[in-house]
């Protein structure tokens, strides 16, 4: 599976949202947001789109593929 990197934590904080706030807005548990922010979980397309809508940025500005071939 491809490794997806994110700057979600910085974007979330810039919008003054807690992990719990974001989780409630997109319909997941806070733990899911924690795993996303620590690059331990790849979001579904649906979740990525919901997060992009809340953060008000294109998906590709929030998530990107890790180009490192060794990971």
PDB file of N, CA and C in Angstrom:
ATOM      1  N   UNK A   1       0.845  -1.180   0.000  1.00  0.00           N
ATOM      2  CA  UNK A   1       0.000   0.000   0.000  1.00  0.00           C
ATOM      3  C   UNK A   1       0.889   1.242   0.000  1.00  0.00           C
ATOM      4  N   UNK A   2       0.480   2.246  -0.739  1.00  0.00           N
ATOM      5  CA  UNK A   2       1.231   3.491  -0.806  1.00  0.00           C
ATOM      6  C   UNK A   2       1.159   4.219   0.524  1.00  0.00           C
ATOM      7  N   UNK A   3       2.242   4.877   0.857  1.00  0.00           N
ATOM      8  CA  UNK A   3       2.298   5.658   2.085  1.00  0.00           C
ATOM      9  C   UNK A   3       1.884   7.091   1.758  1.00  0.00           C
ATOM     10  N   UNK A   4       0.899   7.593   2.477  1.00  0.00           N
ATOM     11  CA  UNK A   4       0.400   8.949   2.253  1.00  0.00           C
ATOM     12  C   UNK A   4       0.877   9.850   3.382  1.00  0.00           C
ATOM     13  N   UNK A   5       1.472  10.962   3.010  1.00  0.00           N
ATOM     14  CA  UNK A   5       1.953  11.940   3.983  1.00  0.00           C
ATOM     15  C   UNK A   5       0.954  13.087   4.067  1.00  0.00           C
ATOM     16  N   UNK A   6       0.938  13.742   5.214  1.00  0.00           N
ATOM     17  CA  UNK A   6      -0.007  14.847   5.407  1.00  0.00           C
ATOM     18  C   UNK A   6       0.569  15.945   6.292  1.00  0.00           C
ATOM     19  N   UNK A   7       0.088  17.142   6.082  1.00  0.00           N
ATOM     20  CA  UNK A   7       0.379  18.269   6.976  1.00  0.00           C
ATOM     21  C   UNK A   7      -0.911  18.674   7.690  1.00  0.00           C
ATOM     22  N   UNK A   8      -1.764  17.693   7.925  1.00  0.00           N
ATOM     23  CA  UNK A   8      -3.084  17.929   8.509  1.00  0.00           C
ATOM     24  C   UNK A   8      -3.004  18.620   9.860  1.00  0.00           C
ATOM     25  N   UNK A   9      -2.068  18.230  10.688  1.00  0.00           N
ATOM     26  CA  UNK A   9      -1.980  18.805  12.029  1.00  0.00           C
ATOM     27  C   UNK A   9      -1.793  20.330  11.967  1.00  0.00           C
ATOM     28  N   UNK A  10      -0.875  20.780  11.128  1.00  0.00           N
ATOM     29  CA  UNK A  10      -0.618  22.214  11.007  1.00  0.00           C
ATOM     30  C   UNK A  10      -1.834  22.942  10.436  1.00  0.00           C
ATOM     31  N   UNK A  11      -2.462  22.329   9.439  1.00  0.00           N
ATOM     32  CA  UNK A  11      -3.642  22.947   8.833  1.00  0.00           C
ATOM     33  C   UNK A  11      -4.800  23.017   9.818  1.00  0.00           C
ATOM     34  N   UNK A  12      -4.983  21.961  10.580  1.00  0.00           N
ATOM     35  CA  UNK A  12      -6.058  21.922  11.584  1.00  0.00           C
ATOM     36  C   UNK A  12      -5.832  22.998  12.643  1.00  0.00           C
ATOM     37  N   UNK A  13      -4.613  23.080  13.148  1.00  0.00           N
ATOM     38  CA  UNK A  13      -4.298  24.071  14.182  1.00  0.00           C
ATOM     39  C   UNK A  13      -4.443  25.496  13.661  1.00  0.00           C
ATOM     40  N   UNK A  14      -4.068  25.727  12.409  1.00  0.00           N
ATOM     41  CA  UNK A  14      -4.188  27.064  11.815  1.00  0.00           C
ATOM     42  C   UNK A  14      -5.649  27.507  11.752  1.00  0.00           C
ATOM     43  N   UNK A  15      -6.554  26.539  11.689  1.00  0.00           N
ATOM     44  CA  UNK A  15      -7.984  26.849  11.660  1.00  0.00           C
ATOM     45  C   UNK A  15      -8.621  26.766  13.039  1.00  0.00           C
ATOM     46  N   UNK A  16      -7.767  26.628  14.050  1.00  0.00           N
ATOM     47  CA  UNK A  16      -8.195  26.596  15.452  1.00  0.00           C
ATOM     48  C   UNK A  16      -9.217  25.492  15.727  1.00  0.00           C
ATOM     49  N   UNK A  17      -8.980  24.324  15.127  1.00  0.00           N
ATOM     50  CA  UNK A  17      -9.819  23.156  15.354  1.00  0.00           C
ATOM     51  C   UNK A  17      -9.059  22.163  16.224  1.00  0.00           C
ATOM     52  N   UNK A  18      -9.724  21.606  17.206  1.00  0.00           N
ATOM     53  CA  UNK A  18      -9.115  20.515  17.968  1.00  0.00           C
ATOM     54  C   UNK A  18      -9.260  19.233  17.159  1.00  0.00           C
ATOM     55  N   UNK A  19      -8.544  18.203  17.576  1.00  0.00           N
ATOM     56  CA  UNK A  19      -8.702  16.907  16.918  1.00  0.00           C
ATOM     57  C   UNK A  19     -10.144  16.435  17.044  1.00  0.00           C
ATOM     58  N   UNK A  20     -10.735  16.644  18.211  1.00  0.00           N
ATOM     59  CA  UNK A  20     -12.121  16.235  18.435  1.00  0.00           C
ATOM     60  C   UNK A  20     -13.078  17.015  17.536  1.00  0.00           C
ATOM     61  N   UNK A  21     -12.844  18.319  17.389  1.00  0.00           N
ATOM     62  CA  UNK A  21     -13.690  19.139  16.510  1.00  0.00           C
ATOM     63  C   UNK A  21     -13.675  18.595  15.086  1.00  0.00           C
ATOM     64  N   UNK A  22     -12.470  18.367  14.566  1.00  0.00           N
ATOM     65  CA  UNK A  22     -12.339  17.872  13.205  1.00  0.00           C
ATOM     66  C   UNK A  22     -12.984  16.496  13.062  1.00  0.00           C
ATOM     67  N   UNK A  23     -12.750  15.646  14.036  1.00  0.00           N
ATOM     68  CA  UNK A  23     -13.332  14.301  13.997  1.00  0.00           C
ATOM     69  C   UNK A  23     -14.861  14.378  13.918  1.00  0.00           C
ATOM     70  N   UNK A  24     -15.463  15.217  14.723  1.00  0.00           N
ATOM     71  CA  UNK A  24     -16.927  15.350  14.714  1.00  0.00           C
ATOM     72  C   UNK A  24     -17.427  15.902  13.382  1.00  0.00           C
ATOM     73  N   UNK A  25     -16.699  16.855  12.828  1.00  0.00           N
ATOM     74  CA  UNK A  25     -17.117  17.470  11.574  1.00  0.00           C
ATOM     75  C   UNK A  25     -17.070  16.496  10.397  1.00  0.00           C
ATOM     76  N   UNK A  26     -16.154  15.538  10.446  1.00  0.00           N
ATOM     77  CA  UNK A  26     -16.031  14.590   9.324  1.00  0.00           C
ATOM     78  C   UNK A  26     -16.597  13.211   9.648  1.00  0.00           C
ATOM     79  N   UNK A  27     -17.079  13.017  10.882  1.00  0.00           N
ATOM     80  CA  UNK A  27     -17.764  11.785  11.232  1.00  0.00           C
ATOM     81  C   UNK A  27     -16.879  10.592  11.561  1.00  0.00           C
ATOM     82  N   UNK A  28     -15.746  10.865  12.212  1.00  0.00           N
ATOM     83  CA  UNK A  28     -14.860   9.776  12.653  1.00  0.00           C
ATOM     84  C   UNK A  28     -14.509   9.982  14.122  1.00  0.00           C
ATOM     85  N   UNK A  29     -13.793   9.012  14.689  1.00  0.00           N
ATOM     86  CA  UNK A  29     -13.321   9.150  16.071  1.00  0.00           C
ATOM     87  C   UNK A  29     -12.054  10.012  16.112  1.00  0.00           C
ATOM     88  N   UNK A  30     -11.811  10.625  17.248  1.00  0.00           N
ATOM     89  CA  UNK A  30     -10.615  11.454  17.419  1.00  0.00           C
ATOM     90  C   UNK A  30      -9.348  10.652  17.130  1.00  0.00           C
ATOM     91  N   UNK A  31      -9.354   9.386  17.499  1.00  0.00           N
ATOM     92  CA  UNK A  31      -8.185   8.531  17.290  1.00  0.00           C
ATOM     93  C   UNK A  31      -7.821   8.418  15.805  1.00  0.00           C
ATOM     94  N   UNK A  32      -8.824   8.460  14.946  1.00  0.00           N
ATOM     95  CA  UNK A  32      -8.562   8.416  13.502  1.00  0.00           C
ATOM     96  C   UNK A  32      -7.779   9.645  13.071  1.00  0.00           C
ATOM     97  N   UNK A  33      -8.143  10.802  13.599  1.00  0.00           N
ATOM     98  CA  UNK A  33      -7.427  12.036  13.284  1.00  0.00           C
ATOM     99  C   UNK A  33      -5.991  11.949  13.798  1.00  0.00           C
ATOM    100  N   UNK A  34      -5.809  11.413  15.006  1.00  0.00           N
ATOM    101  CA  UNK A  34      -4.457  11.229  15.562  1.00  0.00           C
ATOM    102  C   UNK A  34      -3.612  10.368  14.621  1.00  0.00           C
ATOM    103  N   UNK A  35      -4.169   9.254  14.161  1.00  0.00           N
ATOM    104  CA  UNK A  35      -3.435   8.358  13.268  1.00  0.00           C
ATOM    105  C   UNK A  35      -3.131   9.023  11.929  1.00  0.00           C
ATOM    106  N   UNK A  36      -4.057   9.791  11.408  1.00  0.00           N
ATOM    107  CA  UNK A  36      -3.812  10.518  10.160  1.00  0.00           C
ATOM    108  C   UNK A  36      -2.669  11.517  10.340  1.00  0.00           C
ATOM    109  N   UNK A  37      -2.720  12.281  11.416  1.00  0.00           N
ATOM    110  CA  UNK A  37      -1.702  13.310  11.639  1.00  0.00           C
ATOM    111  C   UNK A  37      -0.309  12.715  11.843  1.00  0.00           C
ATOM    112  N   UNK A  38      -0.247  11.483  12.325  1.00  0.00           N
ATOM    113  CA  UNK A  38       1.040  10.815  12.553  1.00  0.00           C
ATOM    114  C   UNK A  38       1.424   9.888  11.406  1.00  0.00           C
ATOM    115  N   UNK A  39       0.737  10.022  10.280  1.00  0.00           N
ATOM    116  CA  UNK A  39       1.019   9.219   9.081  1.00  0.00           C
ATOM    117  C   UNK A  39       0.977   7.725   9.349  1.00  0.00           C
ATOM    118  N   UNK A  40       0.062   7.294  10.227  1.00  0.00           N
ATOM    119  CA  UNK A  40      -0.091   5.869  10.532  1.00  0.00           C
ATOM    120  C   UNK A  40      -1.350   5.284   9.911  1.00  0.00           C
ATOM    121  N   UNK A  41      -2.077   6.106   9.158  1.00  0.00           N
ATOM    122  CA  UNK A  41      -3.343   5.658   8.583  1.00  0.00           C
ATOM    123  C   UNK A  41      -3.565   6.385   7.265  1.00  0.00           C
ATOM    124  N   UNK A  42      -3.909   5.640   6.228  1.00  0.00           N
ATOM    125  CA  UNK A  42      -4.253   6.242   4.943  1.00  0.00           C
ATOM    126  C   UNK A  42      -5.765   6.442   4.885  1.00  0.00           C
ATOM    127  N   UNK A  43      -6.208   7.664   4.640  1.00  0.00           N
ATOM    128  CA  UNK A  43      -7.655   7.913   4.637  1.00  0.00           C
ATOM    129  C   UNK A  43      -8.318   7.334   3.396  1.00  0.00           C
ATOM    130  N   UNK A  44      -9.579   6.994   3.535  1.00  0.00           N
ATOM    131  CA  UNK A  44     -10.373   6.628   2.365  1.00  0.00           C
ATOM    132  C   UNK A  44     -10.559   7.894   1.533  1.00  0.00           C
ATOM    133  N   UNK A  45     -10.945   7.712   0.289  1.00  0.00           N
ATOM    134  CA  UNK A  45     -11.214   8.862  -0.562  1.00  0.00           C
ATOM    135  C   UNK A  45     -12.320   9.719   0.046  1.00  0.00           C
ATOM    136  N   UNK A  46     -13.354   9.075   0.553  1.00  0.00           N
ATOM    137  CA  UNK A  46     -14.468   9.806   1.165  1.00  0.00           C
ATOM    138  C   UNK A  46     -13.991  10.658   2.340  1.00  0.00           C
ATOM    139  N   UNK A  47     -13.172  10.081   3.215  1.00  0.00           N
ATOM    140  CA  UNK A  47     -12.676  10.827   4.374  1.00  0.00           C
ATOM    141  C   UNK A  47     -11.763  11.965   3.934  1.00  0.00           C
ATOM    142  N   UNK A  48     -10.895  11.715   2.969  1.00  0.00           N
ATOM    143  CA  UNK A  48     -10.000  12.764   2.479  1.00  0.00           C
ATOM    144  C   UNK A  48     -10.801  13.939   1.913  1.00  0.00           C
ATOM    145  N   UNK A  49     -11.861  13.637   1.183  1.00  0.00           N
ATOM    146  CA  UNK A  49     -12.700  14.699   0.620  1.00  0.00           C
ATOM    147  C   UNK A  49     -13.448  15.467   1.707  1.00  0.00           C
ATOM    148  N   UNK A  50     -13.918  14.765   2.732  1.00  0.00           N
ATOM    149  CA  UNK A  50     -14.600  15.439   3.844  1.00  0.00           C
ATOM    150  C   UNK A  50     -13.636  16.360   4.580  1.00  0.00           C
ATOM    151  N   UNK A  51     -12.431  15.888   4.831  1.00  0.00           N
ATOM    152  CA  UNK A  51     -11.428  16.717   5.506  1.00  0.00           C
ATOM    153  C   UNK A  51     -11.100  17.940   4.657  1.00  0.00           C
ATOM    154  N   UNK A  52     -10.922  17.738   3.360  1.00  0.00           N
ATOM    155  CA  UNK A  52     -10.628  18.861   2.461  1.00  0.00           C
ATOM    156  C   UNK A  52     -11.746  19.907   2.498  1.00  0.00           C
ATOM    157  N   UNK A  53     -12.982  19.451   2.567  1.00  0.00           N
ATOM    158  CA  UNK A  53     -14.108  20.387   2.630  1.00  0.00           C
ATOM    159  C   UNK A  53     -14.078  21.201   3.919  1.00  0.00           C
ATOM    160  N   UNK A  54     -13.771  20.550   5.033  1.00  0.00           N
ATOM    161  CA  UNK A  54     -13.716  21.251   6.321  1.00  0.00           C
ATOM    162  C   UNK A  54     -12.522  22.210   6.359  1.00  0.00           C
ATOM    163  N   UNK A  55     -11.371  21.750   5.893  1.00  0.00           N
ATOM    164  CA  UNK A  55     -10.148  22.563   5.915  1.00  0.00           C
ATOM    165  C   UNK A  55     -10.209  23.645   4.822  1.00  0.00           C
ATOM    166  N   UNK A  56     -11.051  23.437   3.828  1.00  0.00           N
ATOM    167  CA  UNK A  56     -11.246  24.366   2.712  1.00  0.00           C
ATOM    168  C   UNK A  56      -9.991  24.513   1.848  1.00  0.00           C
ATOM    169  N   UNK A  57      -9.410  23.351   1.549  1.00  0.00           N
ATOM    170  CA  UNK A  57      -8.272  23.273   0.634  1.00  0.00           C
ATOM    171  C   UNK A  57      -8.465  22.057  -0.262  1.00  0.00           C
ATOM    172  N   UNK A  58      -7.828  22.050  -1.433  1.00  0.00           N
ATOM    173  CA  UNK A  58      -7.873  20.845  -2.266  1.00  0.00           C
ATOM    174  C   UNK A  58      -7.207  19.671  -1.551  1.00  0.00           C
ATOM    175  N   UNK A  59      -7.695  18.486  -1.828  1.00  0.00           N
ATOM    176  CA  UNK A  59      -7.150  17.276  -1.205  1.00  0.00           C
ATOM    177  C   UNK A  59      -5.636  17.204  -1.370  1.00  0.00           C
ATOM    178  N   UNK A  60      -5.143  17.533  -2.560  1.00  0.00           N
ATOM    179  CA  UNK A  60      -3.700  17.412  -2.828  1.00  0.00           C
ATOM    180  C   UNK A  60      -2.854  18.408  -2.031  1.00  0.00           C
ATOM    181  N   UNK A  61      -3.484  19.421  -1.438  1.00  0.00           N
ATOM    182  CA  UNK A  61      -2.755  20.335  -0.553  1.00  0.00           C
ATOM    183  C   UNK A  61      -2.678  19.796   0.874  1.00  0.00           C
ATOM    184  N   UNK A  62      -3.449  18.763   1.169  1.00  0.00           N
ATOM    185  CA  UNK A  62      -3.482  18.178   2.512  1.00  0.00           C
ATOM    186  C   UNK A  62      -2.765  16.837   2.547  1.00  0.00           C
ATOM    187  N   UNK A  63      -2.973  16.026   1.510  1.00  0.00           N
ATOM    188  CA  UNK A  63      -2.394  14.682   1.447  1.00  0.00           C
ATOM    189  C   UNK A  63      -1.552  14.543   0.184  1.00  0.00           C
ATOM    190  N   UNK A  64      -0.432  13.805   0.287  1.00  0.00           N
ATOM    191  CA  UNK A  64       0.390  13.525  -0.891  1.00  0.00           C
ATOM    192  C   UNK A  64       1.040  12.160  -0.741  1.00  0.00           C
ATOM    193  N   UNK A  65       1.340  11.550  -1.865  1.00  0.00           N
ATOM    194  CA  UNK A  65       2.027  10.261  -1.848  1.00  0.00           C
ATOM    195  C   UNK A  65       3.469  10.454  -1.437  1.00  0.00           C
ATOM    196  N   UNK A  66       3.978   9.530  -0.654  1.00  0.00           N
ATOM    197  CA  UNK A  66       5.382   9.539  -0.279  1.00  0.00           C
ATOM    198  C   UNK A  66       6.172   9.012  -1.468  1.00  0.00           C
ATOM    199  N   UNK A  67       7.032   9.830  -2.010  1.00  0.00           N
ATOM    200  CA  UNK A  67       7.814   9.449  -3.185  1.00  0.00           C
ATOM    201  C   UNK A  67       9.070   8.659  -2.834  1.00  0.00           C
ATOM    202  N   UNK A  68       9.350   8.500  -1.549  1.00  0.00           N
ATOM    203  CA  UNK A  68      10.526   7.747  -1.102  1.00  0.00           C
ATOM    204  C   UNK A  68      10.329   6.276  -1.420  1.00  0.00           C
ATOM    205  N   UNK A  69      11.173   5.722  -2.263  1.00  0.00           N
ATOM    206  CA  UNK A  69      11.039   4.330  -2.709  1.00  0.00           C
ATOM    207  C   UNK A  69      11.380   3.324  -1.613  1.00  0.00           C
ATOM    208  N   UNK A  70      12.048   3.750  -0.551  1.00  0.00           N
ATOM    209  CA  UNK A  70      12.477   2.851   0.523  1.00  0.00           C
ATOM    210  C   UNK A  70      11.439   2.676   1.616  1.00  0.00           C
ATOM    211  N   UNK A  71      10.317   3.376   1.538  1.00  0.00           N
ATOM    212  CA  UNK A  71       9.331   3.290   2.630  1.00  0.00           C
ATOM    213  C   UNK A  71       8.280   2.249   2.366  1.00  0.00           C
TER     214      UNK A  71
END
